[in-house]
Amino acid sequence: MLRRALLSLIGVLLLGAAARAEIYIYHANDTGGIISWSCENEAIAQQVAAAYCARWDKYHRITSVHRRYGDFIGFSCLWSPYINPYALPAVPTRYTCYYPRPLPLIITK
């Protein structure tokens, strides 16, 4: 009985460690940073940038999105959201990932 409980506990811990997903911010400081691009990262880029800039009591602004794997989403941390709205325009990001529906498999004989 104890052996079965111990094995199930180890299994649950291993599944929890494998299901962990993280977003990595590369090269960031108090003036801004970059996030690696993926469809999932772009969908939550606004929240990640806002949480990162909140460390210094600043506001975030997404400044660039390059939609290719290996490229980045750039953001700036500003003292006020009203600073340079035209010189440093905000770039909209996608809120969902679009995956095309797979075609049905049709087998003809």
C-alpha atoms as a PDB file:
ATOM      1  CA  MET A   1       0.000   0.000   0.000  1.00  0.00           C
ATOM      2  CA  LEU A   2       2.761   2.425   0.945  1.00  0.00           C
ATOM      3  CA  ARG A   3       4.713   1.471  -2.145  1.00  0.00           C
ATOM      4  CA  ARG A   4       1.744   2.209  -4.413  1.00  0.00           C
ATOM      5  CA  ALA A   5       1.200   5.618  -2.778  1.00  0.00           C
ATOM      6  CA  LEU A   6       4.880   6.491  -3.138  1.00  0.00           C
ATOM      7  CA  LEU A   7       4.908   5.532  -6.821  1.00  0.00           C
ATOM      8  CA  SER A   8       1.784   7.581  -7.529  1.00  0.00           C
ATOM      9  CA  LEU A   9       3.293  10.602  -5.745  1.00  0.00           C
ATOM     10  CA  ILE A  10       6.462  10.350  -7.829  1.00  0.00           C
ATOM     11  CA  GLY A  11       4.360  10.071 -10.996  1.00  0.00           C
ATOM     12  CA  VAL A  12       2.364  13.186 -10.147  1.00  0.00           C
ATOM     13  CA  LEU A  13       5.537  15.153  -9.415  1.00  0.00           C
ATOM     14  CA  LEU A  14       7.118  14.110 -12.714  1.00  0.00           C
ATOM     15  CA  LEU A  15       4.013  15.086 -14.683  1.00  0.00           C
ATOM     16  CA  GLY A  16       3.895  18.480 -12.971  1.00  0.00           C
ATOM     17  CA  ALA A  17       7.525  19.182 -13.832  1.00  0.00           C
ATOM     18  CA  ALA A  18       7.038  18.221 -17.485  1.00  0.00           C
ATOM     19  CA  ALA A  19       3.936  20.398 -17.961  1.00  0.00           C
ATOM     20  CA  ARG A  20       5.741  23.600 -16.998  1.00  0.00           C
ATOM     21  CA  ALA A  21       5.763  26.221 -19.767  1.00  0.00           C
ATOM     22  CA  GLU A  22       7.758  29.424 -19.453  1.00  0.00           C
ATOM     23  CA  ILE A  23       8.197  32.522 -21.500  1.00  0.00           C
ATOM     24  CA  TYR A  24      11.734  33.826 -21.633  1.00  0.00           C
ATOM     25  CA  ILE A  25      12.609  37.500 -21.858  1.00  0.00           C
ATOM     26  CA  TYR A  26      15.980  38.007 -23.473  1.00  0.00           C
ATOM     27  CA  HIS A  27      18.140  41.062 -22.882  1.00  0.00           C
ATOM     28  CA  ALA A  28      15.848  43.247 -20.808  1.00  0.00           C
ATOM     29  CA  ASN A  29      16.471  46.123 -18.430  1.00  0.00           C
ATOM     30  CA  ASP A  30      14.497  49.077 -17.061  1.00  0.00           C
ATOM     31  CA  THR A  31      14.104  50.676 -20.520  1.00  0.00           C
ATOM     32  CA  GLY A  32      12.654  47.635 -22.309  1.00  0.00           C
ATOM     33  CA  GLY A  33      13.514  44.254 -23.710  1.00  0.00           C
ATOM     34  CA  ILE A  34      12.747  41.526 -26.222  1.00  0.00           C
ATOM     35  CA  ILE A  35      10.683  38.336 -26.044  1.00  0.00           C
ATOM     36  CA  SER A  36      11.304  35.410 -28.390  1.00  0.00           C
ATOM     37  CA  TRP A  37       8.521  35.115 -30.945  1.00  0.00           C
ATOM     38  CA  SER A  38       6.109  32.233 -31.155  1.00  0.00           C
ATOM     39  CA  CYS A  39       2.386  32.339 -31.697  1.00  0.00           C
ATOM     40  CA  GLU A  40       1.758  31.493 -28.048  1.00  0.00           C
ATOM     41  CA  ASN A  41       4.263  34.107 -26.824  1.00  0.00           C
ATOM     42  CA  GLU A  42       2.679  36.781 -29.009  1.00  0.00           C
ATOM     43  CA  ALA A  43      -0.754  36.024 -27.559  1.00  0.00           C
ATOM     44  CA  ILE A  44       0.481  36.825 -24.021  1.00  0.00           C
ATOM     45  CA  ALA A  45       3.181  39.383 -24.878  1.00  0.00           C
ATOM     46  CA  GLN A  46       1.133  42.309 -23.536  1.00  0.00           C
ATOM     47  CA  GLN A  47       0.775  40.704 -20.106  1.00  0.00           C
ATOM     48  CA  VAL A  48       4.433  39.628 -19.958  1.00  0.00           C
ATOM     49  CA  ALA A  49       5.724  43.077 -20.912  1.00  0.00           C
ATOM     50  CA  ALA A  50       3.345  44.771 -18.456  1.00  0.00           C
ATOM     51  CA  ALA A  51       4.449  42.520 -15.610  1.00  0.00           C
ATOM     52  CA  TYR A  52       8.125  43.085 -16.445  1.00  0.00           C
ATOM     53  CA  CYS A  53       7.847  46.891 -16.641  1.00  0.00           C
ATOM     54  CA  ALA A  54       5.806  47.007 -13.433  1.00  0.00           C
ATOM     55  CA  ARG A  55       9.003  46.128 -11.549  1.00  0.00           C
ATOM     56  CA  TRP A  56      10.124  49.723 -12.073  1.00  0.00           C
ATOM     57  CA  ASP A  57       6.642  51.289 -11.847  1.00  0.00           C
ATOM     58  CA  LYS A  58       6.581  51.888 -15.597  1.00  0.00           C
ATOM     59  CA  TYR A  59       4.157  51.248 -18.438  1.00  0.00           C
ATOM     60  CA  HIS A  60       4.848  48.932 -21.364  1.00  0.00           C
ATOM     61  CA  ARG A  61       4.564  49.527 -25.092  1.00  0.00           C
ATOM     62  CA  ILE A  62       5.090  46.813 -27.713  1.00  0.00           C
ATOM     63  CA  THR A  63       7.279  48.427 -30.373  1.00  0.00           C
ATOM     64  CA  SER A  64       7.975  45.629 -32.856  1.00  0.00           C
ATOM     65  CA  VAL A  65       6.701  42.181 -33.760  1.00  0.00           C
ATOM     66  CA  HIS A  66       8.590  40.045 -36.279  1.00  0.00           C
ATOM     67  CA  ARG A  67       6.421  37.009 -36.963  1.00  0.00           C
ATOM     68  CA  ARG A  68       9.114  34.440 -37.734  1.00  0.00           C
ATOM     69  CA  TYR A  69      10.611  31.789 -35.508  1.00  0.00           C
ATOM     70  CA  GLY A  70      13.980  33.024 -34.296  1.00  0.00           C
ATOM     71  CA  ASP A  71      12.910  36.677 -34.249  1.00  0.00           C
ATOM     72  CA  PHE A  72      11.668  38.747 -31.350  1.00  0.00           C
ATOM     73  CA  ILE A  73       8.877  40.912 -29.961  1.00  0.00           C
ATOM     74  CA  GLY A  74      10.334  44.223 -28.758  1.00  0.00           C
ATOM     75  CA  PHE A  75       8.880  46.315 -25.947  1.00  0.00           C
ATOM     76  CA  SER A  76       9.735  49.555 -24.174  1.00  0.00           C
ATOM     77  CA  CYS A  77       9.155  50.560 -20.564  1.00  0.00           C
ATOM     78  CA  LEU A  78       7.912  54.170 -20.285  1.00  0.00           C
ATOM     79  CA  TRP A  79       7.268  56.471 -17.342  1.00  0.00           C
ATOM     80  CA  SER A  80       3.906  57.493 -18.766  1.00  0.00           C
ATOM     81  CA  PRO A  81       1.703  55.836 -21.395  1.00  0.00           C
ATOM     82  CA  TYR A  82       1.265  59.274 -23.036  1.00  0.00           C
ATOM     83  CA  ILE A  83       4.974  59.798 -23.875  1.00  0.00           C
ATOM     84  CA  ASN A  84       5.677  59.991 -27.630  1.00  0.00           C
ATOM     85  CA  PRO A  85       2.556  58.211 -28.887  1.00  0.00           C
ATOM     86  CA  TYR A  86       3.457  59.131 -32.490  1.00  0.00           C
ATOM     87  CA  ALA A  87       7.257  58.947 -32.370  1.00  0.00           C
ATOM     88  CA  LEU A  88       7.158  55.499 -30.727  1.00  0.00           C
ATOM     89  CA  PRO A  89       3.876  53.945 -31.934  1.00  0.00           C
ATOM     90  CA  ALA A  90       2.433  50.860 -30.315  1.00  0.00           C
ATOM     91  CA  VAL A  91       2.266  47.747 -32.468  1.00  0.00           C
ATOM     92  CA  PRO A  92      -0.833  45.537 -32.106  1.00  0.00           C
ATOM     93  CA  THR A  93      -0.331  41.893 -31.259  1.00  0.00           C
ATOM     94  CA  ARG A  94      -2.502  38.880 -31.914  1.00  0.00           C
ATOM     95  CA  TYR A  95      -4.618  37.573 -29.065  1.00  0.00           C
ATOM     96  CA  THR A  96      -5.043  34.019 -30.336  1.00  0.00           C
ATOM     97  CA  CYS A  97      -3.137  31.515 -32.401  1.00  0.00           C
ATOM     98  CA  TYR A  98      -4.709  30.431 -35.665  1.00  0.00           C
ATOM     99  CA  TYR A  99      -4.113  26.880 -36.711  1.00  0.00           C
ATOM    100  CA  PRO A 100      -5.812  25.790 -39.931  1.00  0.00           C
ATOM    101  CA  ARG A 101      -8.366  23.044 -39.580  1.00  0.00           C
ATOM    102  CA  PRO A 102      -7.003  19.740 -40.821  1.00  0.00           C
ATOM    103  CA  LEU A 103      -8.728  18.382 -43.882  1.00  0.00           C
ATOM    104  CA  PRO A 104     -10.775  15.229 -43.398  1.00  0.00           C
ATOM    105  CA  LEU A 105      -9.128  12.020 -44.466  1.00  0.00           C
ATOM    106  CA  ILE A 106     -11.006  10.615 -47.452  1.00  0.00           C
ATOM    107  CA  ILE A 107     -10.133   7.104 -48.500  1.00  0.00           C
ATOM    108  CA  THR A 108     -11.388   6.003 -51.888  1.00  0.00           C
ATOM    109  CA  LYS A 109     -11.130   2.427 -53.115  1.00  0.00           C
END
